Amino acid sequence: MKKHLYIEMDNCIGCRSCLAACTQCGGHDERNRNYVYDVNPLVNRQTIPLMCLHCVNPACARSCPAQAIQVTPEGAVLSALVEKCIGCQNCTIACPYGIPKFDEEQNLMYKCDLCYDRTKDGIPPMCASVCPTNTLQWLTEEELQEKQERHKLGKWTASHIPDHPLEGETNVRISLPGILQGVQKLF
């Protein structure tokens, strides 16, 4: 049964538990691979989590001349393979969301890999397992559909519909803040 990471942006309180958990995931070398963005720090304390959306047809992988970025059968887009990455940084430029980061010291790209060592076995990614407000959730297709119907959510940014703002279909689902959809969400 396929599961997806679901991001409910309205719920983020900026606690950064997801960042602390990310550093503890196997193979991350105590390095954050996701981020918490302060939307307008001079006006309010609104924050949103940012991480790889694991595109179905990822621009980062398409732009890699060394084919160092692999996509798993489950849809996780992995960080560059050490033995293949040539350090060209095409992936950091190609990603429309600015997610891949480049480590000058290691001459290697790194990004969220959806804690593949966990998610391939059905265990939620570290960020979703510690989020106290359910901003990050690990859900089945049925649970996603139920959530969309229950909250009467408008357009989801991760879908096939051509007029959506994202690059294309993604394996991470996002619910934009209610104010952007003209919907008041009650949780």
N, C-alpha and C. Protein backbone atom coordinates (compact mmCIF):
# COMPACT_ATOMS: atom_id res chain seq x y z
N MET A 1 0.85 -1.18 0.00
CA MET A 1 0.00 0.00 0.00
C MET A 1 0.89 1.24 0.00
N LYS A 2 0.76 2.06 -1.04
CA LYS A 2 1.60 3.25 -1.18
C LYS A 2 1.14 4.34 -0.22
N LYS A 3 2.12 4.96 0.42
CA LYS A 3 1.84 6.08 1.30
C LYS A 3 2.56 7.31 0.78
N HIS A 4 2.03 8.47 1.18
CA HIS A 4 2.60 9.75 0.76
C HIS A 4 2.85 10.61 1.98
N LEU A 5 3.86 11.46 1.88
CA LEU A 5 4.05 12.50 2.88
C LEU A 5 3.05 13.60 2.53
N TYR A 6 2.30 14.04 3.51
CA TYR A 6 1.29 15.09 3.32
C TYR A 6 1.69 16.26 4.20
N ILE A 7 1.71 17.44 3.64
CA ILE A 7 2.09 18.65 4.38
C ILE A 7 0.87 19.54 4.52
N GLU A 8 0.43 19.76 5.75
CA GLU A 8 -0.70 20.64 6.07
C GLU A 8 -0.08 21.94 6.59
N MET A 9 0.22 22.86 5.69
CA MET A 9 1.01 24.04 6.02
C MET A 9 0.39 24.92 7.10
N ASP A 10 -0.92 24.94 7.19
CA ASP A 10 -1.58 25.77 8.21
C ASP A 10 -1.19 25.38 9.63
N ASN A 11 -0.81 24.14 9.83
CA ASN A 11 -0.58 23.65 11.19
C ASN A 11 0.80 23.96 11.74
N CYS A 12 1.75 24.37 10.92
CA CYS A 12 3.14 24.55 11.36
C CYS A 12 3.24 25.68 12.40
N ILE A 13 3.88 25.35 13.53
CA ILE A 13 4.09 26.34 14.60
C ILE A 13 5.55 26.75 14.72
N GLY A 14 6.39 26.23 13.83
CA GLY A 14 7.80 26.62 13.83
C GLY A 14 8.64 26.01 14.92
N CYS A 15 8.22 24.88 15.47
CA CYS A 15 8.97 24.26 16.57
C CYS A 15 10.28 23.63 16.11
N ARG A 16 10.37 23.32 14.84
CA ARG A 16 11.56 22.75 14.21
C ARG A 16 11.92 21.35 14.70
N SER A 17 10.92 20.63 15.22
CA SER A 17 11.13 19.22 15.60
C SER A 17 11.53 18.40 14.39
N CYS A 18 10.95 18.74 13.24
CA CYS A 18 11.26 18.00 12.00
C CYS A 18 12.74 18.13 11.64
N LEU A 19 13.33 19.30 11.91
CA LEU A 19 14.74 19.50 11.60
C LEU A 19 15.62 18.65 12.50
N ALA A 20 15.29 18.63 13.79
CA ALA A 20 16.07 17.83 14.74
C ALA A 20 15.97 16.35 14.38
N ALA A 21 14.77 15.90 14.02
CA ALA A 21 14.57 14.49 13.66
C ALA A 21 15.32 14.14 12.38
N CYS A 22 15.34 15.06 11.44
CA CYS A 22 16.00 14.82 10.15
C CYS A 22 17.48 14.52 10.36
N THR A 23 18.12 15.20 11.27
CA THR A 23 19.55 14.97 11.50
C THR A 23 19.81 13.58 12.07
N GLN A 24 18.78 12.97 12.66
CA GLN A 24 18.95 11.65 13.28
C GLN A 24 18.65 10.49 12.34
N CYS A 25 18.14 10.78 11.16
CA CYS A 25 17.81 9.72 10.21
C CYS A 25 19.09 9.08 9.68
N GLY A 26 19.06 7.78 9.48
CA GLY A 26 20.24 7.05 9.02
C GLY A 26 20.80 7.60 7.73
N GLY A 27 22.10 7.79 7.67
CA GLY A 27 22.76 8.24 6.46
C GLY A 27 22.73 9.74 6.23
N HIS A 28 22.19 10.51 7.15
CA HIS A 28 22.12 11.97 6.94
C HIS A 28 23.32 12.72 7.51
N ASP A 29 24.23 12.02 8.13
CA ASP A 29 25.44 12.64 8.67
C ASP A 29 25.15 13.85 9.54
N GLU A 30 24.07 13.75 10.32
CA GLU A 30 23.65 14.82 11.23
C GLU A 30 23.47 16.14 10.49
N ARG A 31 22.97 16.07 9.27
CA ARG A 31 22.75 17.25 8.43
C ARG A 31 21.26 17.37 8.12
N ASN A 32 20.71 18.57 8.28
CA ASN A 32 19.31 18.81 7.92
C ASN A 32 19.15 18.67 6.42
N ARG A 33 18.07 17.99 6.06
CA ARG A 33 17.75 17.87 4.64
C ARG A 33 16.38 18.45 4.36
N ASN A 34 15.79 19.06 5.36
CA ASN A 34 14.57 19.84 5.16
C ASN A 34 14.74 21.15 5.92
N TYR A 35 13.81 22.05 5.73
CA TYR A 35 13.98 23.40 6.25
C TYR A 35 12.65 23.92 6.79
N VAL A 36 12.73 24.88 7.69
CA VAL A 36 11.53 25.58 8.14
C VAL A 36 11.75 27.05 7.77
N TYR A 37 10.82 27.57 7.00
CA TYR A 37 10.92 28.91 6.44
C TYR A 37 10.04 29.88 7.22
N ASP A 38 10.63 30.99 7.66
CA ASP A 38 9.86 32.05 8.31
C ASP A 38 9.26 32.89 7.19
N VAL A 39 7.93 32.85 7.07
CA VAL A 39 7.25 33.48 5.95
C VAL A 39 7.45 34.99 5.92
N ASN A 40 7.18 35.66 7.01
CA ASN A 40 7.32 37.11 7.07
C ASN A 40 7.77 37.48 8.49
N PRO A 41 9.04 37.27 8.81
CA PRO A 41 9.52 37.39 10.18
C PRO A 41 9.36 38.77 10.83
N LEU A 42 9.23 39.81 10.04
CA LEU A 42 9.08 41.14 10.63
C LEU A 42 7.62 41.45 10.98
N VAL A 43 6.69 40.63 10.50
CA VAL A 43 5.27 40.88 10.72
C VAL A 43 4.64 39.87 11.68
N ASN A 44 4.95 38.59 11.48
CA ASN A 44 4.33 37.55 12.32
C ASN A 44 5.28 36.36 12.47
N ARG A 45 4.79 35.32 13.09
CA ARG A 45 5.62 34.14 13.32
C ARG A 45 5.21 32.95 12.46
N GLN A 46 4.54 33.20 11.37
CA GLN A 46 4.11 32.12 10.49
C GLN A 46 5.32 31.42 9.88
N THR A 47 5.30 30.11 9.94
CA THR A 47 6.37 29.30 9.37
C THR A 47 5.76 28.19 8.51
N ILE A 48 6.56 27.71 7.57
CA ILE A 48 6.14 26.55 6.78
C ILE A 48 7.35 25.64 6.59
N PRO A 49 7.10 24.33 6.59
CA PRO A 49 8.20 23.40 6.32
C PRO A 49 8.47 23.32 4.83
N LEU A 50 9.73 23.20 4.48
CA LEU A 50 10.12 23.03 3.08
C LEU A 50 10.98 21.78 2.97
N MET A 51 10.64 20.94 2.04
CA MET A 51 11.42 19.73 1.80
C MET A 51 11.20 19.28 0.38
N CYS A 52 11.97 18.32 -0.05
CA CYS A 52 11.83 17.80 -1.40
C CYS A 52 10.42 17.26 -1.59
N LEU A 53 9.82 17.58 -2.73
CA LEU A 53 8.47 17.10 -3.04
C LEU A 53 8.49 15.78 -3.79
N HIS A 54 9.67 15.25 -4.06
CA HIS A 54 9.81 13.94 -4.70
C HIS A 54 8.96 13.86 -5.97
N CYS A 55 9.31 14.71 -6.92
CA CYS A 55 8.58 14.79 -8.18
C CYS A 55 8.57 13.44 -8.90
N VAL A 56 7.49 13.17 -9.59
CA VAL A 56 7.38 11.93 -10.35
C VAL A 56 8.38 11.94 -11.51
N ASN A 57 8.60 13.11 -12.11
CA ASN A 57 9.57 13.28 -13.18
C ASN A 57 10.51 14.41 -12.77
N PRO A 58 11.43 14.15 -11.83
CA PRO A 58 12.20 15.22 -11.20
C PRO A 58 13.19 15.95 -12.12
N ALA A 59 13.11 17.26 -12.10
CA ALA A 59 14.02 18.10 -12.90
C ALA A 59 15.46 17.90 -12.46
N CYS A 60 15.68 17.68 -11.17
CA CYS A 60 17.06 17.50 -10.67
C CYS A 60 17.68 16.26 -11.30
N ALA A 61 16.94 15.16 -11.36
CA ALA A 61 17.48 13.92 -11.95
C ALA A 61 17.63 14.05 -13.46
N ARG A 62 16.68 14.72 -14.11
CA ARG A 62 16.76 14.90 -15.57
C ARG A 62 17.97 15.74 -15.96
N SER A 63 18.36 16.68 -15.10
CA SER A 63 19.46 17.58 -15.44
C SER A 63 20.84 17.02 -15.11
N CYS A 64 20.90 15.88 -14.44
CA CYS A 64 22.18 15.32 -14.00
C CYS A 64 22.86 14.56 -15.14
N PRO A 65 24.01 15.06 -15.62
CA PRO A 65 24.68 14.38 -16.73
C PRO A 65 25.32 13.05 -16.32
N ALA A 66 25.53 12.84 -15.03
CA ALA A 66 26.17 11.61 -14.55
C ALA A 66 25.15 10.59 -14.05
N GLN A 67 23.87 10.91 -14.14
CA GLN A 67 22.80 10.04 -13.64
C GLN A 67 23.04 9.62 -12.19
N ALA A 68 23.44 10.60 -11.38
CA ALA A 68 23.76 10.33 -9.97
C ALA A 68 22.52 10.35 -9.08
N ILE A 69 21.41 10.90 -9.57
CA ILE A 69 20.20 11.00 -8.76
C ILE A 69 19.23 9.92 -9.19
N GLN A 70 18.91 9.03 -8.28
CA GLN A 70 18.06 7.88 -8.57
C GLN A 70 16.66 8.10 -8.01
N VAL A 71 15.66 7.53 -8.68
CA VAL A 71 14.28 7.54 -8.21
C VAL A 71 13.91 6.09 -7.89
N THR A 72 13.47 5.85 -6.66
CA THR A 72 13.14 4.50 -6.24
C THR A 72 11.79 4.07 -6.81
N PRO A 73 11.49 2.79 -6.82
CA PRO A 73 10.17 2.33 -7.28
C PRO A 73 9.02 2.92 -6.45
N GLU A 74 9.30 3.27 -5.18
CA GLU A 74 8.28 3.86 -4.32
C GLU A 74 8.09 5.36 -4.58
N GLY A 75 8.96 5.96 -5.40
CA GLY A 75 8.81 7.36 -5.74
C GLY A 75 9.73 8.31 -4.99
N ALA A 76 10.60 7.80 -4.14
CA ALA A 76 11.54 8.67 -3.42
C ALA A 76 12.67 9.07 -4.37
N VAL A 77 12.97 10.36 -4.41
CA VAL A 77 14.08 10.87 -5.21
C VAL A 77 15.26 11.00 -4.25
N LEU A 78 16.30 10.21 -4.48
CA LEU A 78 17.41 10.12 -3.54
C LEU A 78 18.47 11.19 -3.79
N SER A 79 19.27 11.47 -2.77
CA SER A 79 20.41 12.36 -2.91
C SER A 79 21.39 11.75 -3.92
N ALA A 80 22.29 12.57 -4.42
CA ALA A 80 23.25 12.12 -5.42
C ALA A 80 24.13 11.01 -4.86
N LEU A 81 24.39 10.01 -5.68
CA LEU A 81 25.27 8.92 -5.30
C LEU A 81 26.71 9.42 -5.29
N VAL A 82 27.41 9.15 -4.20
CA VAL A 82 28.78 9.63 -4.01
C VAL A 82 29.67 9.22 -5.17
N GLU A 83 29.56 7.97 -5.60
CA GLU A 83 30.46 7.46 -6.64
C GLU A 83 30.14 8.00 -8.03
N LYS A 84 28.98 8.64 -8.22
CA LYS A 84 28.61 9.15 -9.54
C LYS A 84 28.61 10.66 -9.65
N CYS A 85 28.32 11.38 -8.55
CA CYS A 85 28.18 12.83 -8.60
C CYS A 85 29.49 13.49 -9.02
N ILE A 86 29.41 14.35 -10.03
CA ILE A 86 30.60 15.04 -10.53
C ILE A 86 30.69 16.48 -10.02
N GLY A 87 29.72 16.89 -9.21
CA GLY A 87 29.76 18.22 -8.60
C GLY A 87 29.41 19.36 -9.53
N CYS A 88 28.67 19.09 -10.60
CA CYS A 88 28.34 20.14 -11.58
C CYS A 88 27.27 21.11 -11.06
N GLN A 89 26.48 20.70 -10.11
CA GLN A 89 25.42 21.49 -9.49
C GLN A 89 24.25 21.79 -10.41
N ASN A 90 24.12 21.06 -11.52
CA ASN A 90 22.96 21.24 -12.40
C ASN A 90 21.67 21.01 -11.63
N CYS A 91 21.66 20.04 -10.73
CA CYS A 91 20.45 19.69 -9.99
C CYS A 91 19.97 20.84 -9.12
N THR A 92 20.91 21.58 -8.53
CA THR A 92 20.51 22.69 -7.66
C THR A 92 19.89 23.82 -8.47
N ILE A 93 20.31 23.96 -9.71
CA ILE A 93 19.76 24.99 -10.59
C ILE A 93 18.43 24.54 -11.19
N ALA A 94 18.33 23.27 -11.54
CA ALA A 94 17.15 22.74 -12.24
C ALA A 94 15.93 22.63 -11.34
N CYS A 95 16.10 22.37 -10.06
CA CYS A 95 14.96 22.17 -9.16
C CYS A 95 14.16 23.47 -9.06
N PRO A 96 12.87 23.43 -9.42
CA PRO A 96 12.06 24.66 -9.36
C PRO A 96 11.75 25.11 -7.94
N TYR A 97 12.05 24.28 -6.96
CA TYR A 97 11.74 24.61 -5.56
C TYR A 97 12.99 24.96 -4.75
N GLY A 98 14.18 24.89 -5.36
CA GLY A 98 15.41 25.25 -4.67
C GLY A 98 15.78 24.32 -3.53
N ILE A 99 15.43 23.06 -3.62
CA ILE A 99 15.64 22.13 -2.52
C ILE A 99 17.05 21.54 -2.46
N PRO A 100 17.60 20.99 -3.53
CA PRO A 100 18.93 20.37 -3.40
C PRO A 100 19.98 21.40 -2.95
N LYS A 101 20.84 20.97 -2.04
CA LYS A 101 21.94 21.81 -1.58
C LYS A 101 23.24 21.15 -1.98
N PHE A 102 24.27 21.95 -2.12
CA PHE A 102 25.56 21.42 -2.54
C PHE A 102 26.58 21.60 -1.43
N ASP A 103 27.26 20.53 -1.08
CA ASP A 103 28.31 20.56 -0.06
C ASP A 103 29.64 20.71 -0.78
N GLU A 104 30.23 21.89 -0.67
CA GLU A 104 31.50 22.20 -1.34
C GLU A 104 32.61 21.27 -0.85
N GLU A 105 32.61 20.99 0.45
CA GLU A 105 33.67 20.17 1.04
C GLU A 105 33.65 18.74 0.48
N GLN A 106 32.44 18.17 0.39
CA GLN A 106 32.32 16.80 -0.12
C GLN A 106 32.12 16.74 -1.63
N ASN A 107 31.91 17.90 -2.26
CA ASN A 107 31.64 17.99 -3.69
C ASN A 107 30.46 17.09 -4.06
N LEU A 108 29.35 17.28 -3.31
CA LEU A 108 28.21 16.38 -3.43
C LEU A 108 26.91 17.10 -3.13
N MET A 109 25.86 16.76 -3.89
CA MET A 109 24.52 17.30 -3.64
C MET A 109 23.84 16.44 -2.59
N TYR A 110 23.08 17.10 -1.71
CA TYR A 110 22.25 16.38 -0.74
C TYR A 110 20.89 17.04 -0.63
N LYS A 111 19.88 16.24 -0.27
CA LYS A 111 18.52 16.72 -0.12
C LYS A 111 17.73 15.67 0.64
N CYS A 112 16.48 15.97 0.94
CA CYS A 112 15.60 15.01 1.59
C CYS A 112 15.46 13.77 0.72
N ASP A 113 15.65 12.60 1.31
CA ASP A 113 15.46 11.35 0.56
C ASP A 113 14.25 10.58 1.10
N LEU A 114 13.38 11.29 1.81
CA LEU A 114 12.16 10.72 2.38
C LEU A 114 12.48 9.59 3.36
N CYS A 115 13.65 9.71 4.01
CA CYS A 115 14.11 8.67 4.95
C CYS A 115 13.88 7.29 4.33
N TYR A 116 14.42 7.10 3.16
CA TYR A 116 14.14 5.89 2.40
C TYR A 116 14.47 4.62 3.18
N ASP A 117 15.46 4.68 4.05
CA ASP A 117 15.78 3.51 4.86
C ASP A 117 14.60 3.11 5.76
N ARG A 118 13.71 4.04 6.05
CA ARG A 118 12.52 3.78 6.86
C ARG A 118 11.28 3.56 5.99
N THR A 119 11.04 4.49 5.05
CA THR A 119 9.78 4.46 4.30
C THR A 119 9.65 3.25 3.39
N LYS A 120 10.75 2.69 2.93
CA LYS A 120 10.66 1.48 2.09
C LYS A 120 10.07 0.32 2.86
N ASP A 121 10.13 0.38 4.19
CA ASP A 121 9.56 -0.66 5.05
C ASP A 121 8.23 -0.24 5.67
N GLY A 122 7.66 0.87 5.18
CA GLY A 122 6.37 1.33 5.67
C GLY A 122 6.43 2.16 6.95
N ILE A 123 7.62 2.50 7.40
CA ILE A 123 7.78 3.31 8.62
C ILE A 123 7.79 4.78 8.19
N PRO A 124 7.08 5.66 8.90
CA PRO A 124 7.04 7.07 8.50
C PRO A 124 8.42 7.72 8.52
N PRO A 125 8.63 8.72 7.67
CA PRO A 125 9.90 9.46 7.73
C PRO A 125 10.04 10.13 9.09
N MET A 126 11.27 10.38 9.48
CA MET A 126 11.54 10.94 10.81
C MET A 126 10.76 12.23 11.05
N CYS A 127 10.71 13.12 10.08
CA CYS A 127 10.03 14.40 10.27
C CYS A 127 8.56 14.21 10.62
N ALA A 128 7.89 13.31 9.91
CA ALA A 128 6.46 13.07 10.16
C ALA A 128 6.23 12.34 11.48
N SER A 129 7.20 11.54 11.90
CA SER A 129 7.00 10.77 13.13
C SER A 129 7.11 11.64 14.38
N VAL A 130 7.70 12.82 14.28
CA VAL A 130 7.86 13.66 15.48
C VAL A 130 7.04 14.95 15.46
N CYS A 131 6.40 15.28 14.36
CA CYS A 131 5.68 16.55 14.24
C CYS A 131 4.52 16.61 15.24
N PRO A 132 4.56 17.54 16.19
CA PRO A 132 3.53 17.59 17.24
C PRO A 132 2.18 18.15 16.77
N THR A 133 2.16 18.82 15.62
CA THR A 133 0.92 19.45 15.16
C THR A 133 0.32 18.77 13.93
N ASN A 134 0.88 17.65 13.52
CA ASN A 134 0.45 16.95 12.32
C ASN A 134 0.56 17.81 11.06
N THR A 135 1.54 18.69 11.05
CA THR A 135 1.83 19.42 9.82
C THR A 135 2.35 18.43 8.78
N LEU A 136 3.17 17.50 9.23
CA LEU A 136 3.73 16.46 8.37
C LEU A 136 3.09 15.14 8.75
N GLN A 137 2.44 14.51 7.78
CA GLN A 137 1.73 13.26 8.03
C GLN A 137 2.10 12.22 6.98
N TRP A 138 2.08 10.95 7.34
CA TRP A 138 2.38 9.84 6.44
C TRP A 138 1.08 9.11 6.21
N LEU A 139 0.45 9.31 5.04
CA LEU A 139 -0.92 8.86 4.80
C LEU A 139 -1.04 7.96 3.57
N THR A 140 -2.05 7.10 3.61
CA THR A 140 -2.39 6.27 2.45
C THR A 140 -3.20 7.11 1.47
N GLU A 141 -3.38 6.59 0.26
CA GLU A 141 -4.20 7.27 -0.75
C GLU A 141 -5.62 7.50 -0.22
N GLU A 142 -6.16 6.49 0.48
CA GLU A 142 -7.53 6.59 1.01
C GLU A 142 -7.61 7.69 2.07
N GLU A 143 -6.62 7.76 2.93
CA GLU A 143 -6.61 8.80 3.97
C GLU A 143 -6.49 10.19 3.36
N LEU A 144 -5.71 10.31 2.28
CA LEU A 144 -5.59 11.59 1.59
C LEU A 144 -6.93 12.01 0.98
N GLN A 145 -7.60 11.06 0.34
CA GLN A 145 -8.90 11.34 -0.27
C GLN A 145 -9.92 11.76 0.79
N GLU A 146 -9.92 11.05 1.91
CA GLU A 146 -10.85 11.37 2.99
C GLU A 146 -10.59 12.77 3.54
N LYS A 147 -9.33 13.11 3.70
CA LYS A 147 -8.96 14.44 4.21
C LYS A 147 -9.41 15.53 3.24
N GLN A 148 -9.21 15.29 1.95
CA GLN A 148 -9.61 16.28 0.96
C GLN A 148 -11.12 16.49 0.98
N GLU A 149 -11.87 15.42 1.08
CA GLU A 149 -13.33 15.53 1.11
C GLU A 149 -13.83 16.14 2.42
N ARG A 150 -13.26 15.74 3.54
CA ARG A 150 -13.71 16.21 4.85
C ARG A 150 -13.51 17.71 5.00
N HIS A 151 -12.40 18.21 4.54
CA HIS A 151 -12.11 19.63 4.72
C HIS A 151 -12.49 20.47 3.51
N LYS A 152 -13.07 19.82 2.51
CA LYS A 152 -13.47 20.51 1.29
C LYS A 152 -12.32 21.39 0.78
N LEU A 153 -11.15 20.80 0.73
CA LEU A 153 -9.99 21.54 0.28
C LEU A 153 -10.13 21.87 -1.20
N GLY A 154 -9.64 23.02 -1.56
CA GLY A 154 -9.67 23.43 -2.97
C GLY A 154 -8.62 22.67 -3.74
N LYS A 155 -7.98 23.34 -4.63
CA LYS A 155 -6.95 22.69 -5.44
C LYS A 155 -5.79 22.25 -4.57
N TRP A 156 -5.31 21.08 -4.83
CA TRP A 156 -4.08 20.60 -4.19
C TRP A 156 -2.97 20.98 -5.13
N THR A 157 -1.86 21.41 -4.61
CA THR A 157 -0.79 21.82 -5.51
C THR A 157 -0.07 20.64 -6.12
N ALA A 158 -0.25 19.46 -5.57
CA ALA A 158 0.43 18.29 -6.13
C ALA A 158 -0.59 17.42 -6.85
N SER A 159 -0.70 17.59 -8.14
CA SER A 159 -1.67 16.81 -8.91
C SER A 159 -1.32 16.85 -10.38
N HIS A 160 -2.21 16.30 -11.21
CA HIS A 160 -1.99 16.26 -12.65
C HIS A 160 -2.55 17.47 -13.37
N ILE A 161 -3.37 18.27 -12.71
CA ILE A 161 -4.09 19.34 -13.39
C ILE A 161 -3.11 20.39 -13.91
N PRO A 162 -3.16 20.71 -15.20
CA PRO A 162 -2.18 21.58 -15.83
C PRO A 162 -2.05 22.99 -15.25
N ASP A 163 -3.13 23.56 -14.68
CA ASP A 163 -3.03 24.94 -14.21
C ASP A 163 -2.48 25.05 -12.79
N HIS A 164 -1.99 23.97 -12.25
CA HIS A 164 -1.40 24.04 -10.92
C HIS A 164 0.01 24.61 -10.99
N PRO A 165 0.44 25.27 -9.91
CA PRO A 165 1.71 25.99 -9.95
C PRO A 165 2.96 25.14 -9.85
N LEU A 166 2.84 23.87 -9.47
CA LEU A 166 4.04 23.06 -9.34
C LEU A 166 4.53 22.55 -10.67
N GLU A 167 5.77 22.07 -10.68
CA GLU A 167 6.42 21.61 -11.90
C GLU A 167 5.68 20.47 -12.56
N GLY A 168 5.06 19.63 -11.79
CA GLY A 168 4.36 18.47 -12.31
C GLY A 168 3.88 17.64 -11.14
N GLU A 169 3.56 16.40 -11.40
CA GLU A 169 3.05 15.54 -10.34
C GLU A 169 4.15 15.25 -9.32
N THR A 170 3.79 15.28 -8.05
CA THR A 170 4.75 15.00 -6.98
C THR A 170 4.23 13.88 -6.10
N ASN A 171 5.15 13.23 -5.40
CA ASN A 171 4.76 12.16 -4.48
C ASN A 171 4.48 12.69 -3.08
N VAL A 172 4.86 13.93 -2.81
CA VAL A 172 4.51 14.59 -1.55
C VAL A 172 3.29 15.45 -1.84
N ARG A 173 2.27 15.36 -1.03
CA ARG A 173 1.05 16.13 -1.22
C ARG A 173 1.07 17.33 -0.28
N ILE A 174 0.55 18.45 -0.77
CA ILE A 174 0.56 19.68 0.02
C ILE A 174 -0.82 20.29 0.04
N SER A 175 -1.20 20.79 1.21
CA SER A 175 -2.40 21.60 1.32
C SER A 175 -1.93 23.02 1.61
N LEU A 176 -2.21 23.91 0.69
CA LEU A 176 -1.81 25.31 0.88
C LEU A 176 -2.57 25.91 2.05
N PRO A 177 -2.02 26.95 2.65
CA PRO A 177 -2.75 27.62 3.73
C PRO A 177 -4.15 28.02 3.27
N GLY A 178 -5.13 27.86 4.16
CA GLY A 178 -6.53 28.11 3.84
C GLY A 178 -6.78 29.49 3.26
N ILE A 179 -6.05 30.46 3.72
CA ILE A 179 -6.27 31.83 3.24
C ILE A 179 -5.98 31.93 1.74
N LEU A 180 -5.03 31.14 1.23
CA LEU A 180 -4.72 31.17 -0.20
C LEU A 180 -5.80 30.49 -1.02
N GLN A 181 -6.54 29.57 -0.41
CA GLN A 181 -7.59 28.86 -1.12
C GLN A 181 -8.95 29.50 -0.92
N GLY A 182 -9.04 30.53 -0.08
CA GLY A 182 -10.31 31.14 0.22
C GLY A 182 -11.18 30.23 1.08
N VAL A 183 -10.53 29.38 1.86
CA VAL A 183 -11.22 28.41 2.69
C VAL A 183 -10.71 28.53 4.13
N GLN A 184 -11.61 28.53 5.08
CA GLN A 184 -11.19 28.51 6.48
C GLN A 184 -11.20 27.07 6.95
N LYS A 185 -10.05 26.57 7.36
CA LYS A 185 -9.97 25.18 7.80
C LYS A 185 -10.12 25.13 9.31
N LEU A 186 -10.92 24.23 9.76
CA LEU A 186 -11.11 24.04 11.20
C LEU A 186 -10.61 22.65 11.57
N PHE A 187 -9.59 22.58 12.41
CA PHE A 187 -9.02 21.29 12.80
C PHE A 187 -9.28 21.03 14.25
